Amino acid sequence: RWMAPLRNVSVFKESKHPGVALFHVFFKSLAVVVYELGTTFTDNFVLVCVIVILLLAFDFWTVKNVSGRLLVGLRWWNYVREDGSTEWVFESAEDMSEIGATDRRLFWVGLYAPAVFWSFCLVYSVIFFRVQWLIIIFAALALSFANIIGYTKCSKEATQKLEKFAQDGMAQGLVGAIGVSNIIGGLSSLVANANQQQQHQAAASSRGQNTMSV
């Protein structure tokens, strides 16, 4: 109930999944707020660090398992094989037409914007020797880029599937057009041959009548 006013924001109202869209940006936004203002309310850096990393972990799980699947129809994961190698799996929805433009835009902005922010924080912390904050920044960048790489791969595979589907559709259309044209051509040749035979028969019968009259 306390999050109901946020759902009335236009970008969430236009979304097909307003609750999912809200949580797609909620955890990452809260992590940034705690990172920037946490030390204003407490001097315990460890507490601030733990809270921010937990929020980043919640955001990573939400983006990877929920918002990516519902907002853009993409999903990725990896597992370890018996031989110890890692297998990456990338999935995309078959019908991408059901994905709304607002959901797609919100997802990708929410995916890339935090990486830009944390990259800026990394540069700032290095310049001003804020070494202790690098723990949070490295964790944030690692989780952000894991989702960025995973969903970028999913998006490329989805684009390839759409291109392949379009090419297959064009190929089938050409085959169908060729088949129809062959049928039409065959019927036309049959009609032409029948007309020619009728004309020959009419000419032969007229010549026969002329011979008998003579």
N, C-alpha and C. Protein backbone atom coordinates (compact mmCIF):
# COMPACT_ATOMS: atom_id res chain seq x y z
N ARG A 1 0.83 -1.21 0.00
CA ARG A 1 0.00 0.00 0.00
C ARG A 1 0.86 1.25 0.00
N TRP A 2 1.98 1.21 0.73
CA TRP A 2 2.83 2.40 0.80
C TRP A 2 3.52 2.71 -0.52
N MET A 3 3.53 1.74 -1.45
CA MET A 3 4.14 1.99 -2.75
C MET A 3 3.11 2.36 -3.80
N ALA A 4 1.84 2.41 -3.41
CA ALA A 4 0.77 2.72 -4.37
C ALA A 4 0.96 4.06 -5.07
N PRO A 5 1.37 5.14 -4.38
CA PRO A 5 1.57 6.41 -5.10
C PRO A 5 2.60 6.34 -6.21
N LEU A 6 3.63 5.49 -6.02
CA LEU A 6 4.65 5.38 -7.06
C LEU A 6 4.09 4.73 -8.32
N ARG A 7 3.10 3.86 -8.16
CA ARG A 7 2.52 3.18 -9.32
C ARG A 7 1.68 4.12 -10.17
N ASN A 8 1.31 5.28 -9.60
CA ASN A 8 0.53 6.25 -10.35
C ASN A 8 1.39 7.12 -11.25
N VAL A 9 2.72 6.99 -11.15
CA VAL A 9 3.61 7.71 -12.06
C VAL A 9 3.33 7.22 -13.48
N SER A 10 3.34 8.15 -14.43
CA SER A 10 2.90 7.85 -15.79
C SER A 10 3.66 6.69 -16.41
N VAL A 11 4.97 6.63 -16.19
CA VAL A 11 5.76 5.58 -16.82
C VAL A 11 5.35 4.20 -16.31
N PHE A 12 4.93 4.11 -15.05
CA PHE A 12 4.48 2.83 -14.51
C PHE A 12 3.04 2.54 -14.91
N LYS A 13 2.21 3.57 -15.03
CA LYS A 13 0.83 3.36 -15.45
C LYS A 13 0.75 2.86 -16.89
N GLU A 14 1.71 3.27 -17.73
CA GLU A 14 1.73 2.84 -19.12
C GLU A 14 2.30 1.43 -19.29
N SER A 15 2.93 0.92 -18.25
CA SER A 15 3.54 -0.40 -18.33
C SER A 15 2.48 -1.49 -18.26
N LYS A 16 2.74 -2.60 -18.96
CA LYS A 16 1.85 -3.76 -18.89
C LYS A 16 2.01 -4.50 -17.56
N HIS A 17 3.17 -4.30 -16.91
CA HIS A 17 3.45 -4.93 -15.61
C HIS A 17 3.95 -3.84 -14.66
N PRO A 18 3.08 -2.99 -14.16
CA PRO A 18 3.52 -1.84 -13.36
C PRO A 18 4.27 -2.24 -12.09
N GLY A 19 3.82 -3.32 -11.43
CA GLY A 19 4.52 -3.75 -10.23
C GLY A 19 5.93 -4.21 -10.51
N VAL A 20 6.10 -4.98 -11.57
CA VAL A 20 7.43 -5.46 -11.96
C VAL A 20 8.31 -4.29 -12.39
N ALA A 21 7.74 -3.36 -13.15
CA ALA A 21 8.50 -2.19 -13.59
C ALA A 21 8.96 -1.36 -12.40
N LEU A 22 8.10 -1.25 -11.39
CA LEU A 22 8.46 -0.49 -10.20
C LEU A 22 9.64 -1.13 -9.47
N PHE A 23 9.57 -2.44 -9.26
CA PHE A 23 10.67 -3.11 -8.55
C PHE A 23 11.92 -3.21 -9.40
N HIS A 24 11.79 -3.07 -10.71
CA HIS A 24 12.97 -3.06 -11.58
C HIS A 24 13.88 -1.88 -11.25
N VAL A 25 13.30 -0.77 -10.82
CA VAL A 25 14.10 0.42 -10.50
C VAL A 25 14.17 0.69 -9.00
N PHE A 26 13.34 -0.01 -8.21
CA PHE A 26 13.25 0.31 -6.78
C PHE A 26 14.52 -0.03 -6.03
N PHE A 27 14.99 -1.28 -6.13
CA PHE A 27 16.14 -1.71 -5.34
C PHE A 27 17.41 -0.97 -5.74
N LYS A 28 17.62 -0.77 -7.04
CA LYS A 28 18.83 -0.08 -7.47
C LYS A 28 18.80 1.39 -7.05
N SER A 29 17.61 2.01 -7.10
CA SER A 29 17.50 3.40 -6.67
C SER A 29 17.73 3.53 -5.17
N LEU A 30 17.19 2.59 -4.40
CA LEU A 30 17.38 2.62 -2.95
C LEU A 30 18.84 2.38 -2.58
N ALA A 31 19.51 1.52 -3.35
CA ALA A 31 20.95 1.29 -3.10
C ALA A 31 21.76 2.57 -3.32
N VAL A 32 21.41 3.32 -4.36
CA VAL A 32 22.11 4.58 -4.62
C VAL A 32 21.85 5.59 -3.50
N VAL A 33 20.59 5.65 -3.03
CA VAL A 33 20.25 6.59 -1.95
C VAL A 33 21.02 6.26 -0.67
N VAL A 34 21.06 4.98 -0.33
CA VAL A 34 21.78 4.58 0.89
C VAL A 34 23.27 4.83 0.72
N TYR A 35 23.80 4.59 -0.46
CA TYR A 35 25.23 4.83 -0.72
C TYR A 35 25.57 6.31 -0.55
N GLU A 36 24.72 7.19 -1.06
CA GLU A 36 25.00 8.61 -1.01
C GLU A 36 24.70 9.23 0.35
N LEU A 37 23.66 8.78 1.02
CA LEU A 37 23.19 9.45 2.24
C LEU A 37 23.34 8.62 3.50
N GLY A 38 23.81 7.37 3.35
CA GLY A 38 23.88 6.50 4.50
C GLY A 38 24.76 7.05 5.62
N THR A 39 25.89 7.60 5.29
CA THR A 39 26.81 8.12 6.31
C THR A 39 26.29 9.40 6.97
N THR A 40 25.24 9.98 6.41
CA THR A 40 24.64 11.16 7.04
C THR A 40 23.90 10.78 8.31
N PHE A 41 23.37 9.55 8.34
CA PHE A 41 22.57 9.09 9.48
C PHE A 41 23.34 8.18 10.43
N THR A 42 24.45 7.63 9.97
CA THR A 42 25.25 6.75 10.83
C THR A 42 26.72 6.82 10.43
N ASP A 43 27.58 6.61 11.41
CA ASP A 43 29.02 6.57 11.15
C ASP A 43 29.52 5.14 10.95
N ASN A 44 28.61 4.19 11.01
CA ASN A 44 28.98 2.78 10.87
C ASN A 44 29.06 2.43 9.38
N PHE A 45 30.27 2.46 8.85
CA PHE A 45 30.46 2.17 7.43
C PHE A 45 30.09 0.73 7.10
N VAL A 46 30.38 -0.19 8.00
CA VAL A 46 30.07 -1.60 7.75
C VAL A 46 28.57 -1.79 7.56
N LEU A 47 27.77 -1.11 8.37
CA LEU A 47 26.31 -1.22 8.25
C LEU A 47 25.85 -0.70 6.89
N VAL A 48 26.37 0.44 6.50
CA VAL A 48 26.02 1.01 5.19
C VAL A 48 26.43 0.07 4.08
N CYS A 49 27.62 -0.49 4.17
CA CYS A 49 28.13 -1.40 3.15
C CYS A 49 27.25 -2.64 3.02
N VAL A 50 26.85 -3.22 4.16
CA VAL A 50 26.01 -4.42 4.14
C VAL A 50 24.65 -4.13 3.53
N ILE A 51 24.05 -3.00 3.92
CA ILE A 51 22.72 -2.65 3.40
C ILE A 51 22.77 -2.44 1.89
N VAL A 52 23.77 -1.71 1.41
CA VAL A 52 23.88 -1.44 -0.04
C VAL A 52 24.09 -2.73 -0.81
N ILE A 53 24.96 -3.59 -0.34
CA ILE A 53 25.24 -4.84 -1.06
C ILE A 53 24.01 -5.75 -1.05
N LEU A 54 23.27 -5.78 0.05
CA LEU A 54 22.03 -6.56 0.08
C LEU A 54 21.02 -6.02 -0.92
N LEU A 55 20.88 -4.70 -1.00
CA LEU A 55 19.96 -4.10 -1.97
C LEU A 55 20.40 -4.42 -3.40
N LEU A 56 21.70 -4.39 -3.64
CA LEU A 56 22.22 -4.73 -4.97
C LEU A 56 21.95 -6.19 -5.31
N ALA A 57 22.07 -7.06 -4.31
CA ALA A 57 21.79 -8.49 -4.53
C ALA A 57 20.30 -8.71 -4.83
N PHE A 58 19.41 -8.00 -4.09
CA PHE A 58 17.98 -8.10 -4.36
C PHE A 58 17.68 -7.62 -5.79
N ASP A 59 18.33 -6.53 -6.17
CA ASP A 59 18.11 -5.99 -7.52
C ASP A 59 18.60 -6.96 -8.58
N PHE A 60 19.77 -7.55 -8.36
CA PHE A 60 20.30 -8.52 -9.32
C PHE A 60 19.35 -9.69 -9.51
N TRP A 61 18.84 -10.23 -8.42
CA TRP A 61 17.91 -11.36 -8.52
C TRP A 61 16.63 -10.95 -9.22
N THR A 62 16.10 -9.77 -8.90
CA THR A 62 14.85 -9.31 -9.50
C THR A 62 15.00 -9.12 -11.00
N VAL A 63 16.08 -8.48 -11.42
CA VAL A 63 16.31 -8.22 -12.84
C VAL A 63 16.55 -9.53 -13.59
N LYS A 64 17.32 -10.41 -13.01
CA LYS A 64 17.70 -11.64 -13.69
C LYS A 64 16.54 -12.63 -13.82
N ASN A 65 15.69 -12.72 -12.81
CA ASN A 65 14.66 -13.76 -12.77
C ASN A 65 13.24 -13.28 -13.01
N VAL A 66 12.98 -11.98 -12.87
CA VAL A 66 11.60 -11.50 -12.96
C VAL A 66 11.43 -10.44 -14.03
N SER A 67 12.06 -9.28 -13.85
CA SER A 67 11.77 -8.15 -14.74
C SER A 67 12.24 -8.40 -16.17
N GLY A 68 13.35 -9.08 -16.36
CA GLY A 68 13.81 -9.37 -17.72
C GLY A 68 12.85 -10.27 -18.47
N ARG A 69 12.29 -11.24 -17.77
CA ARG A 69 11.36 -12.18 -18.41
C ARG A 69 10.03 -11.52 -18.74
N LEU A 70 9.54 -10.66 -17.85
CA LEU A 70 8.21 -10.08 -18.04
C LEU A 70 8.23 -8.78 -18.84
N LEU A 71 9.28 -7.99 -18.70
CA LEU A 71 9.30 -6.68 -19.38
C LEU A 71 9.80 -6.77 -20.82
N VAL A 72 10.78 -7.64 -21.09
CA VAL A 72 11.34 -7.72 -22.44
C VAL A 72 11.34 -9.13 -23.01
N GLY A 73 10.80 -10.11 -22.28
CA GLY A 73 10.73 -11.47 -22.80
C GLY A 73 12.08 -12.15 -22.94
N LEU A 74 13.04 -11.81 -22.09
CA LEU A 74 14.38 -12.39 -22.15
C LEU A 74 14.72 -13.03 -20.81
N ARG A 75 15.59 -14.04 -20.89
CA ARG A 75 16.02 -14.72 -19.67
C ARG A 75 17.36 -15.39 -19.92
N TRP A 76 18.22 -15.35 -18.91
CA TRP A 76 19.52 -16.01 -19.03
C TRP A 76 19.89 -16.65 -17.70
N TRP A 77 20.69 -17.69 -17.78
CA TRP A 77 21.26 -18.30 -16.59
C TRP A 77 22.43 -19.17 -17.02
N ASN A 78 23.15 -19.67 -16.05
CA ASN A 78 24.27 -20.56 -16.35
C ASN A 78 24.31 -21.67 -15.31
N TYR A 79 24.91 -22.79 -15.71
CA TYR A 79 25.06 -23.90 -14.78
C TYR A 79 26.39 -24.59 -15.08
N VAL A 80 26.86 -25.35 -14.10
CA VAL A 80 28.14 -26.03 -14.21
C VAL A 80 27.91 -27.47 -14.66
N ARG A 81 28.60 -27.87 -15.72
CA ARG A 81 28.48 -29.25 -16.22
C ARG A 81 29.25 -30.21 -15.33
N GLU A 82 29.10 -31.50 -15.62
CA GLU A 82 29.79 -32.52 -14.83
C GLU A 82 31.30 -32.43 -14.99
N ASP A 83 31.75 -31.93 -16.16
CA ASP A 83 33.19 -31.83 -16.38
C ASP A 83 33.78 -30.54 -15.80
N GLY A 84 32.94 -29.73 -15.14
CA GLY A 84 33.43 -28.51 -14.50
C GLY A 84 33.31 -27.26 -15.36
N SER A 85 32.95 -27.41 -16.62
CA SER A 85 32.79 -26.25 -17.50
C SER A 85 31.44 -25.58 -17.25
N THR A 86 31.37 -24.30 -17.58
CA THR A 86 30.16 -23.51 -17.37
C THR A 86 29.37 -23.39 -18.66
N GLU A 87 28.09 -23.68 -18.58
CA GLU A 87 27.20 -23.58 -19.74
C GLU A 87 26.28 -22.39 -19.55
N TRP A 88 26.27 -21.47 -20.53
CA TRP A 88 25.41 -20.30 -20.49
C TRP A 88 24.19 -20.55 -21.37
N VAL A 89 23.03 -20.23 -20.86
CA VAL A 89 21.78 -20.44 -21.58
C VAL A 89 21.08 -19.09 -21.74
N PHE A 90 20.67 -18.78 -22.97
CA PHE A 90 19.99 -17.52 -23.27
C PHE A 90 18.67 -17.84 -23.95
N GLU A 91 17.59 -17.28 -23.41
CA GLU A 91 16.26 -17.54 -23.93
C GLU A 91 15.57 -16.22 -24.29
N SER A 92 14.68 -16.29 -25.26
CA SER A 92 13.88 -15.13 -25.65
C SER A 92 12.48 -15.59 -26.00
N ALA A 93 11.50 -14.74 -25.77
CA ALA A 93 10.11 -15.08 -26.05
C ALA A 93 9.90 -15.28 -27.55
N GLU A 94 9.03 -16.22 -27.89
CA GLU A 94 8.76 -16.49 -29.30
C GLU A 94 8.03 -15.32 -29.97
N ASP A 95 7.06 -14.75 -29.25
CA ASP A 95 6.28 -13.64 -29.80
C ASP A 95 6.69 -12.35 -29.11
N MET A 96 7.62 -11.61 -29.71
CA MET A 96 8.11 -10.36 -29.12
C MET A 96 7.15 -9.20 -29.34
N SER A 97 6.08 -9.42 -30.11
CA SER A 97 5.11 -8.35 -30.34
C SER A 97 4.31 -8.03 -29.09
N GLU A 98 4.29 -8.95 -28.12
CA GLU A 98 3.56 -8.71 -26.89
C GLU A 98 4.32 -7.81 -25.92
N ILE A 99 5.58 -7.52 -26.22
CA ILE A 99 6.39 -6.66 -25.34
C ILE A 99 6.06 -5.20 -25.62
N GLY A 100 5.69 -4.46 -24.58
CA GLY A 100 5.33 -3.06 -24.75
C GLY A 100 6.56 -2.17 -24.90
N ALA A 101 6.39 -1.07 -25.63
CA ALA A 101 7.50 -0.14 -25.85
C ALA A 101 7.95 0.50 -24.53
N THR A 102 7.00 0.83 -23.67
CA THR A 102 7.33 1.44 -22.37
C THR A 102 8.13 0.47 -21.51
N ASP A 103 7.70 -0.78 -21.47
CA ASP A 103 8.42 -1.79 -20.68
C ASP A 103 9.83 -1.99 -21.22
N ARG A 104 9.97 -2.05 -22.53
CA ARG A 104 11.28 -2.26 -23.14
C ARG A 104 12.23 -1.09 -22.83
N ARG A 105 11.72 0.12 -22.99
CA ARG A 105 12.54 1.30 -22.72
C ARG A 105 12.93 1.39 -21.25
N LEU A 106 11.98 1.13 -20.37
CA LEU A 106 12.26 1.20 -18.93
C LEU A 106 13.27 0.14 -18.52
N PHE A 107 13.16 -1.04 -19.10
CA PHE A 107 14.08 -2.11 -18.73
C PHE A 107 15.52 -1.77 -19.11
N TRP A 108 15.73 -1.35 -20.37
CA TRP A 108 17.10 -1.12 -20.82
C TRP A 108 17.71 0.12 -20.16
N VAL A 109 16.92 1.15 -19.93
CA VAL A 109 17.45 2.32 -19.20
C VAL A 109 17.81 1.93 -17.78
N GLY A 110 16.92 1.16 -17.13
CA GLY A 110 17.20 0.71 -15.78
C GLY A 110 18.35 -0.26 -15.69
N LEU A 111 18.70 -0.89 -16.81
CA LEU A 111 19.82 -1.83 -16.82
C LEU A 111 21.16 -1.11 -16.98
N TYR A 112 21.21 -0.12 -17.88
CA TYR A 112 22.47 0.54 -18.19
C TYR A 112 22.78 1.73 -17.29
N ALA A 113 21.76 2.44 -16.83
CA ALA A 113 22.00 3.66 -16.04
C ALA A 113 22.79 3.39 -14.76
N PRO A 114 22.47 2.33 -13.99
CA PRO A 114 23.27 2.08 -12.79
C PRO A 114 24.73 1.80 -13.08
N ALA A 115 25.02 1.11 -14.18
CA ALA A 115 26.42 0.84 -14.54
C ALA A 115 27.17 2.15 -14.80
N VAL A 116 26.50 3.10 -15.44
CA VAL A 116 27.13 4.41 -15.68
C VAL A 116 27.38 5.12 -14.35
N PHE A 117 26.39 5.08 -13.46
CA PHE A 117 26.53 5.74 -12.16
C PHE A 117 27.68 5.14 -11.37
N TRP A 118 27.73 3.81 -11.27
CA TRP A 118 28.78 3.18 -10.47
C TRP A 118 30.15 3.33 -11.10
N SER A 119 30.21 3.44 -12.42
CA SER A 119 31.49 3.71 -13.08
C SER A 119 31.99 5.10 -12.71
N PHE A 120 31.08 6.08 -12.67
CA PHE A 120 31.45 7.43 -12.23
C PHE A 120 31.93 7.42 -10.78
N CYS A 121 31.24 6.65 -9.93
CA CYS A 121 31.66 6.55 -8.53
C CYS A 121 33.04 5.92 -8.41
N LEU A 122 33.35 4.97 -9.27
CA LEU A 122 34.67 4.35 -9.26
C LEU A 122 35.75 5.37 -9.57
N VAL A 123 35.55 6.15 -10.61
CA VAL A 123 36.53 7.18 -10.97
C VAL A 123 36.68 8.20 -9.84
N TYR A 124 35.57 8.62 -9.26
CA TYR A 124 35.59 9.60 -8.18
C TYR A 124 36.33 9.07 -6.95
N SER A 125 36.06 7.81 -6.61
CA SER A 125 36.70 7.23 -5.42
C SER A 125 38.19 7.04 -5.62
N VAL A 126 38.60 6.71 -6.83
CA VAL A 126 40.03 6.55 -7.11
C VAL A 126 40.73 7.90 -7.05
N ILE A 127 40.12 8.93 -7.60
CA ILE A 127 40.75 10.25 -7.63
C ILE A 127 40.91 10.81 -6.21
N PHE A 128 39.90 10.63 -5.37
CA PHE A 128 39.91 11.21 -4.03
C PHE A 128 40.26 10.18 -2.95
N PHE A 129 40.80 9.03 -3.36
CA PHE A 129 41.33 8.01 -2.45
C PHE A 129 40.29 7.54 -1.42
N ARG A 130 39.09 7.33 -1.86
CA ARG A 130 38.04 6.77 -1.00
C ARG A 130 38.08 5.25 -1.14
N VAL A 131 39.13 4.67 -0.62
CA VAL A 131 39.43 3.26 -0.86
C VAL A 131 38.35 2.35 -0.28
N GLN A 132 37.83 2.67 0.90
CA GLN A 132 36.88 1.78 1.56
C GLN A 132 35.58 1.61 0.76
N TRP A 133 35.22 2.65 -0.03
CA TRP A 133 33.99 2.58 -0.82
C TRP A 133 34.12 1.70 -2.07
N LEU A 134 35.37 1.33 -2.39
CA LEU A 134 35.57 0.50 -3.57
C LEU A 134 34.95 -0.89 -3.42
N ILE A 135 34.78 -1.34 -2.19
CA ILE A 135 34.14 -2.65 -1.97
C ILE A 135 32.72 -2.63 -2.53
N ILE A 136 31.97 -1.58 -2.18
CA ILE A 136 30.60 -1.46 -2.67
C ILE A 136 30.58 -1.27 -4.18
N ILE A 137 31.46 -0.43 -4.67
CA ILE A 137 31.46 -0.10 -6.10
C ILE A 137 31.79 -1.32 -6.94
N PHE A 138 32.79 -2.10 -6.54
CA PHE A 138 33.15 -3.29 -7.30
C PHE A 138 32.01 -4.31 -7.29
N ALA A 139 31.35 -4.46 -6.15
CA ALA A 139 30.21 -5.37 -6.08
C ALA A 139 29.09 -4.90 -7.00
N ALA A 140 28.81 -3.60 -6.99
CA ALA A 140 27.75 -3.05 -7.84
C ALA A 140 28.07 -3.22 -9.32
N LEU A 141 29.32 -2.95 -9.70
CA LEU A 141 29.71 -3.09 -11.10
C LEU A 141 29.67 -4.55 -11.55
N ALA A 142 30.11 -5.46 -10.68
CA ALA A 142 30.11 -6.88 -11.04
C ALA A 142 28.68 -7.37 -11.29
N LEU A 143 27.75 -7.01 -10.41
CA LEU A 143 26.37 -7.45 -10.58
C LEU A 143 25.70 -6.77 -11.77
N SER A 144 25.99 -5.49 -11.97
CA SER A 144 25.39 -4.76 -13.09
C SER A 144 25.86 -5.32 -14.42
N PHE A 145 27.17 -5.53 -14.55
CA PHE A 145 27.69 -6.01 -15.84
C PHE A 145 27.33 -7.47 -16.09
N ALA A 146 27.11 -8.24 -15.04
CA ALA A 146 26.65 -9.62 -15.25
C ALA A 146 25.30 -9.62 -15.95
N ASN A 147 24.37 -8.79 -15.48
CA ASN A 147 23.06 -8.69 -16.12
C ASN A 147 23.15 -8.05 -17.50
N ILE A 148 24.01 -7.05 -17.64
CA ILE A 148 24.15 -6.38 -18.94
C ILE A 148 24.65 -7.37 -19.99
N ILE A 149 25.68 -8.14 -19.66
CA ILE A 149 26.23 -9.11 -20.61
C ILE A 149 25.19 -10.19 -20.92
N GLY A 150 24.53 -10.70 -19.89
CA GLY A 150 23.55 -11.76 -20.10
C GLY A 150 22.40 -11.31 -20.98
N TYR A 151 21.83 -10.14 -20.71
CA TYR A 151 20.68 -9.68 -21.48
C TYR A 151 21.07 -9.15 -22.85
N THR A 152 22.28 -8.65 -22.99
CA THR A 152 22.74 -8.26 -24.32
C THR A 152 22.87 -9.48 -25.22
N LYS A 153 23.40 -10.58 -24.66
CA LYS A 153 23.47 -11.83 -25.42
C LYS A 153 22.07 -12.32 -25.77
N CYS A 154 21.15 -12.25 -24.82
CA CYS A 154 19.77 -12.66 -25.09
C CYS A 154 19.16 -11.82 -26.19
N SER A 155 19.40 -10.52 -26.14
CA SER A 155 18.83 -9.62 -27.13
C SER A 155 19.37 -9.92 -28.52
N LYS A 156 20.67 -10.22 -28.62
CA LYS A 156 21.26 -10.56 -29.92
C LYS A 156 20.64 -11.84 -30.46
N GLU A 157 20.47 -12.84 -29.60
CA GLU A 157 19.87 -14.10 -30.05
C GLU A 157 18.42 -13.88 -30.46
N ALA A 158 17.71 -13.00 -29.73
CA ALA A 158 16.33 -12.71 -30.10
C ALA A 158 16.27 -12.04 -31.47
N THR A 159 17.20 -11.11 -31.72
CA THR A 159 17.25 -10.43 -33.02
C THR A 159 17.55 -11.42 -34.13
N GLN A 160 18.48 -12.34 -33.88
CA GLN A 160 18.80 -13.36 -34.88
C GLN A 160 17.60 -14.26 -35.17
N LYS A 161 16.84 -14.60 -34.11
CA LYS A 161 15.64 -15.43 -34.31
C LYS A 161 14.62 -14.70 -35.16
N LEU A 162 14.43 -13.40 -34.90
CA LEU A 162 13.47 -12.63 -35.67
C LEU A 162 13.90 -12.53 -37.13
N GLU A 163 15.21 -12.29 -37.35
CA GLU A 163 15.71 -12.21 -38.72
C GLU A 163 15.54 -13.55 -39.44
N LYS A 164 15.83 -14.64 -38.73
CA LYS A 164 15.67 -15.97 -39.34
C LYS A 164 14.21 -16.24 -39.66
N PHE A 165 13.33 -15.85 -38.74
CA PHE A 165 11.90 -16.05 -38.97
C PHE A 165 11.43 -15.26 -40.18
N ALA A 166 11.92 -14.00 -40.29
CA ALA A 166 11.53 -13.17 -41.43
C ALA A 166 12.05 -13.77 -42.73
N GLN A 167 13.31 -14.25 -42.70
CA GLN A 167 13.88 -14.85 -43.90
C GLN A 167 13.12 -16.11 -44.30
N ASP A 168 12.77 -16.95 -43.29
CA ASP A 168 12.00 -18.16 -43.59
C ASP A 168 10.63 -17.81 -44.15
N GLY A 169 10.02 -16.76 -43.61
CA GLY A 169 8.72 -16.34 -44.12
C GLY A 169 8.80 -15.86 -45.55
N MET A 170 9.86 -15.09 -45.87
CA MET A 170 10.05 -14.63 -47.24
C MET A 170 10.30 -15.81 -48.17
N ALA A 171 11.10 -16.77 -47.67
CA ALA A 171 11.39 -17.93 -48.51
C ALA A 171 10.12 -18.72 -48.80
N GLN A 172 9.30 -18.91 -47.76
CA GLN A 172 8.06 -19.64 -47.97
C GLN A 172 7.14 -18.89 -48.92
N GLY A 173 7.13 -17.55 -48.79
CA GLY A 173 6.32 -16.74 -49.69
C GLY A 173 6.77 -16.87 -51.12
N LEU A 174 8.09 -16.90 -51.33
CA LEU A 174 8.61 -17.06 -52.69
C LEU A 174 8.27 -18.43 -53.26
N VAL A 175 8.42 -19.45 -52.39
CA VAL A 175 8.08 -20.80 -52.85
C VAL A 175 6.62 -20.88 -53.22
N GLY A 176 5.78 -20.29 -52.35
CA GLY A 176 4.35 -20.30 -52.64
C GLY A 176 4.02 -19.55 -53.92
N ALA A 177 4.69 -18.40 -54.10
CA ALA A 177 4.43 -17.62 -55.31
C ALA A 177 4.87 -18.39 -56.55
N ILE A 178 6.02 -19.04 -56.44
CA ILE A 178 6.51 -19.83 -57.58
C ILE A 178 5.55 -20.97 -57.88
N GLY A 179 5.06 -21.64 -56.80
CA GLY A 179 4.12 -22.74 -57.01
C GLY A 179 2.83 -22.28 -57.66
N VAL A 180 2.29 -21.15 -57.20
CA VAL A 180 1.07 -20.63 -57.79
C VAL A 180 1.29 -20.22 -59.23
N SER A 181 2.42 -19.58 -59.52
CA SER A 181 2.69 -19.17 -60.90
C SER A 181 2.85 -20.37 -61.81
N ASN A 182 3.45 -21.45 -61.29
CA ASN A 182 3.58 -22.66 -62.11
C ASN A 182 2.21 -23.26 -62.42
N ILE A 183 1.34 -23.27 -61.38
CA ILE A 183 0.00 -23.82 -61.61
C ILE A 183 -0.76 -22.99 -62.64
N ILE A 184 -0.68 -21.66 -62.48
CA ILE A 184 -1.37 -20.77 -63.42
C ILE A 184 -0.81 -20.93 -64.83
N GLY A 185 0.53 -21.04 -64.92
CA GLY A 185 1.15 -21.23 -66.24
C GLY A 185 0.73 -22.54 -66.87
N GLY A 186 0.67 -23.61 -66.04
CA GLY A 186 0.26 -24.90 -66.57
C GLY A 186 -1.18 -24.89 -67.08
N LEU A 187 -2.08 -24.25 -66.30
CA LEU A 187 -3.47 -24.15 -66.73
C LEU A 187 -3.59 -23.33 -68.02
N SER A 188 -2.81 -22.25 -68.09
CA SER A 188 -2.85 -21.41 -69.29
C SER A 188 -2.39 -22.17 -70.52
N SER A 189 -1.32 -22.98 -70.38
CA SER A 189 -0.82 -23.76 -71.52
C SER A 189 -1.84 -24.83 -71.94
N LEU A 190 -2.52 -25.44 -70.94
CA LEU A 190 -3.54 -26.42 -71.28
C LEU A 190 -4.69 -25.78 -72.05
N VAL A 191 -5.14 -24.62 -71.59
CA VAL A 191 -6.22 -23.92 -72.30
C VAL A 191 -5.80 -23.54 -73.71
N ALA A 192 -4.54 -23.07 -73.86
CA ALA A 192 -4.05 -22.68 -75.18
C ALA A 192 -3.99 -23.89 -76.11
N ASN A 193 -3.50 -25.03 -75.59
CA ASN A 193 -3.42 -26.23 -76.41
C ASN A 193 -4.81 -26.70 -76.82
N ALA A 194 -5.77 -26.63 -75.90
CA ALA A 194 -7.14 -27.03 -76.23
C ALA A 194 -7.73 -26.14 -77.31
N ASN A 195 -7.49 -24.84 -77.22
CA ASN A 195 -7.99 -23.91 -78.24
C ASN A 195 -7.37 -24.21 -79.62
N GLN A 196 -6.06 -24.48 -79.62
CA GLN A 196 -5.40 -24.80 -80.88
C GLN A 196 -5.98 -26.06 -81.51
N GLN A 197 -6.23 -27.10 -80.67
CA GLN A 197 -6.80 -28.34 -81.20
C GLN A 197 -8.19 -28.10 -81.78
N GLN A 198 -9.00 -27.30 -81.09
CA GLN A 198 -10.33 -26.99 -81.62
C GLN A 198 -10.25 -26.26 -82.95
N GLN A 199 -9.29 -25.32 -83.06
CA GLN A 199 -9.12 -24.58 -84.31
C GLN A 199 -8.70 -25.52 -85.43
N HIS A 200 -7.78 -26.45 -85.15
CA HIS A 200 -7.34 -27.42 -86.17
C HIS A 200 -8.50 -28.30 -86.61
N GLN A 201 -9.28 -28.75 -85.63
CA GLN A 201 -10.42 -29.60 -85.98
C GLN A 201 -11.44 -28.84 -86.82
N ALA A 202 -11.69 -27.59 -86.49
CA ALA A 202 -12.64 -26.78 -87.26
C ALA A 202 -12.14 -26.57 -88.68
N ALA A 203 -10.85 -26.30 -88.82
CA ALA A 203 -10.27 -26.09 -90.16
C ALA A 203 -10.34 -27.37 -90.99
N ALA A 204 -10.07 -28.51 -90.35
CA ALA A 204 -10.11 -29.79 -91.08
C ALA A 204 -11.53 -30.10 -91.54
N SER A 205 -12.50 -29.87 -90.66
CA SER A 205 -13.89 -30.15 -91.05
C SER A 205 -14.36 -29.23 -92.16
N SER A 206 -13.94 -27.99 -92.18
CA SER A 206 -14.33 -27.06 -93.25
C SER A 206 -13.72 -27.47 -94.58
N ARG A 207 -12.46 -27.94 -94.53
CA ARG A 207 -11.83 -28.40 -95.77
C ARG A 207 -12.55 -29.63 -96.31
N GLY A 208 -13.01 -30.54 -95.43
CA GLY A 208 -13.71 -31.73 -95.86
C GLY A 208 -15.03 -31.39 -96.53
N GLN A 209 -15.75 -30.41 -95.97
CA GLN A 209 -17.00 -30.00 -96.55
C GLN A 209 -16.81 -29.38 -97.95
N ASN A 210 -15.76 -28.59 -98.09
CA ASN A 210 -15.45 -27.99 -99.39
C ASN A 210 -15.16 -29.05 -100.47
N THR A 211 -14.44 -30.11 -100.05
CA THR A 211 -14.07 -31.18 -101.01
C THR A 211 -15.32 -31.93 -101.49
N MET A 212 -16.25 -32.19 -100.54
CA MET A 212 -17.48 -32.92 -100.90
C MET A 212 -18.35 -32.08 -101.82
N SER A 213 -18.42 -30.80 -101.62
CA SER A 213 -19.24 -29.93 -102.50
C SER A 213 -18.69 -29.89 -103.90
N VAL A 214 -17.40 -29.96 -104.06
CA VAL A 214 -16.81 -29.93 -105.38
C VAL A 214 -17.10 -31.25 -106.10
